Amino acid sequence: MPEERRAIHAYLTADSHEIWHNVAEEAGVSLSGFLEALAADMGTNPPDGGGHPRWNEIVKAARKIDAQRRRRGGGGN
């Protein structure tokens, strides 16, 4: 029996959407495979355990994006 799979749904800017797909394509992988590999890495190097060196910068940027969207009433969580 195949492993259960679940979908991720996100609202991205057109630029972000294009970047995700371009990076995956340039690497020769599907976006799903890319996200699965990132999740596996986060499991091995959990963000709350320090993760990777730039993790704190990325989380700060994500919080800023979320706050901006909330202020505009844009949702998109």
C-alpha atoms as a PDB file:
ATOM      1  CA  MET A   1       0.000   0.000   0.000  1.00  0.00           C
ATOM      2  CA  PRO A   2       1.421   3.417  -0.932  1.00  0.00           C
ATOM      3  CA  GLU A   3       2.465   5.809   1.786  1.00  0.00           C
ATOM      4  CA  GLU A   4      -0.214   8.353   2.703  1.00  0.00           C
ATOM      5  CA  ARG A   5       0.463  11.700   1.089  1.00  0.00           C
ATOM      6  CA  ARG A   6      -0.908  15.093   2.054  1.00  0.00           C
ATOM      7  CA  ALA A   7      -1.043  18.338   0.138  1.00  0.00           C
ATOM      8  CA  ILE A   8       0.451  21.657   1.152  1.00  0.00           C
ATOM      9  CA  HIS A   9      -1.414  24.753   0.104  1.00  0.00           C
ATOM     10  CA  ALA A  10       0.159  28.191   0.261  1.00  0.00           C
ATOM     11  CA  TYR A  11      -0.534  31.613  -1.194  1.00  0.00           C
ATOM     12  CA  LEU A  12       2.685  33.001  -2.633  1.00  0.00           C
ATOM     13  CA  THR A  13       3.583  36.054  -4.610  1.00  0.00           C
ATOM     14  CA  ALA A  14       4.030  35.373  -8.316  1.00  0.00           C
ATOM     15  CA  ASP A  15       7.794  35.892  -7.910  1.00  0.00           C
ATOM     16  CA  SER A  16       8.076  33.441  -4.999  1.00  0.00           C
ATOM     17  CA  HIS A  17       6.032  30.851  -6.868  1.00  0.00           C
ATOM     18  CA  GLU A  18       8.257  31.166  -9.917  1.00  0.00           C
ATOM     19  CA  ILE A  19      11.442  30.941  -7.837  1.00  0.00           C
ATOM     20  CA  TRP A  20      10.308  27.726  -6.103  1.00  0.00           C
ATOM     21  CA  HIS A  21       9.528  26.090  -9.428  1.00  0.00           C
ATOM     22  CA  ASN A  22      12.658  27.392 -11.172  1.00  0.00           C
ATOM     23  CA  VAL A  23      14.995  26.248  -8.404  1.00  0.00           C
ATOM     24  CA  ALA A  24      13.438  22.788  -8.375  1.00  0.00           C
ATOM     25  CA  GLU A  25      13.583  22.554 -12.167  1.00  0.00           C
ATOM     26  CA  GLU A  26      17.223  23.706 -12.288  1.00  0.00           C
ATOM     27  CA  ALA A  27      18.077  21.072  -9.686  1.00  0.00           C
ATOM     28  CA  GLY A  28      16.284  18.429 -11.768  1.00  0.00           C
ATOM     29  CA  VAL A  29      13.791  17.555  -9.041  1.00  0.00           C
ATOM     30  CA  SER A  30      10.076  17.983  -8.506  1.00  0.00           C
ATOM     31  CA  LEU A  31       8.918  20.650  -6.110  1.00  0.00           C
ATOM     32  CA  SER A  32       7.354  17.865  -4.029  1.00  0.00           C
ATOM     33  CA  GLY A  33      10.693  16.052  -3.831  1.00  0.00           C
ATOM     34  CA  PHE A  34      12.428  19.287  -2.890  1.00  0.00           C
ATOM     35  CA  LEU A  35       9.941  19.984  -0.079  1.00  0.00           C
ATOM     36  CA  GLU A  36      10.180  16.381   1.184  1.00  0.00           C
ATOM     37  CA  ALA A  37      13.983  16.676   1.349  1.00  0.00           C
ATOM     38  CA  LEU A  38      13.725  19.998   3.216  1.00  0.00           C
ATOM     39  CA  ALA A  39      11.303  18.438   5.693  1.00  0.00           C
ATOM     40  CA  ALA A  40      13.653  15.500   6.254  1.00  0.00           C
ATOM     41  CA  ASP A  41      16.517  17.928   6.865  1.00  0.00           C
ATOM     42  CA  MET A  42      14.426  19.956   9.322  1.00  0.00           C
ATOM     43  CA  GLY A  43      13.647  16.698  11.120  1.00  0.00           C
ATOM     44  CA  THR A  44      17.352  15.928  11.426  1.00  0.00           C
ATOM     45  CA  ASN A  45      18.359  19.537  12.160  1.00  0.00           C
ATOM     46  CA  PRO A  46      15.301  20.912  13.976  1.00  0.00           C
ATOM     47  CA  PRO A  47      14.883  24.670  13.883  1.00  0.00           C
ATOM     48  CA  ASP A  48      14.353  24.851  17.651  1.00  0.00           C
ATOM     49  CA  GLY A  49      17.631  22.980  18.069  1.00  0.00           C
ATOM     50  CA  GLY A  50      19.531  25.541  16.037  1.00  0.00           C
ATOM     51  CA  GLY A  51      18.863  24.094  12.594  1.00  0.00           C
ATOM     52  CA  HIS A  52      21.137  25.621  10.011  1.00  0.00           C
ATOM     53  CA  PRO A  53      23.107  28.862  10.434  1.00  0.00           C
ATOM     54  CA  ARG A  54      20.605  31.044   8.538  1.00  0.00           C
ATOM     55  CA  TRP A  55      17.486  29.565  10.111  1.00  0.00           C
ATOM     56  CA  ASN A  56      16.940  32.506  12.489  1.00  0.00           C
ATOM     57  CA  GLU A  57      17.169  34.985   9.586  1.00  0.00           C
ATOM     58  CA  ILE A  58      14.647  32.981   7.559  1.00  0.00           C
ATOM     59  CA  VAL A  59      12.210  32.739  10.481  1.00  0.00           C
ATOM     60  CA  LYS A  60      12.493  36.513  11.063  1.00  0.00           C
ATOM     61  CA  ALA A  61      11.752  37.163   7.375  1.00  0.00           C
ATOM     62  CA  ALA A  62       8.768  34.786   7.485  1.00  0.00           C
ATOM     63  CA  ARG A  63       7.373  36.526  10.558  1.00  0.00           C
ATOM     64  CA  LYS A  64       7.704  39.889   8.805  1.00  0.00           C
ATOM     65  CA  ILE A  65       5.845  38.591   5.734  1.00  0.00           C
ATOM     66  CA  ASP A  66       3.080  37.133   7.909  1.00  0.00           C
ATOM     67  CA  ALA A  67       2.729  40.391   9.868  1.00  0.00           C
ATOM     68  CA  GLN A  68       2.532  42.453   6.671  1.00  0.00           C
ATOM     69  CA  ARG A  69      -0.177  40.184   5.283  1.00  0.00           C
ATOM     70  CA  ARG A  70      -2.176  40.358   8.517  1.00  0.00           C
ATOM     71  CA  ARG A  71      -2.006  44.165   8.487  1.00  0.00           C
ATOM     72  CA  ARG A  72      -3.317  44.209   4.927  1.00  0.00           C
ATOM     73  CA  GLY A  73      -5.975  41.660   5.834  1.00  0.00           C
ATOM     74  CA  GLY A  74      -4.502  39.345   3.236  1.00  0.00           C
ATOM     75  CA  GLY A  75      -4.578  36.113   5.242  1.00  0.00           C
ATOM     76  CA  GLY A  76      -2.638  33.618   3.178  1.00  0.00           C
ATOM     77  CA  ASN A  77      -1.434  31.517   6.091  1.00  0.00           C
END
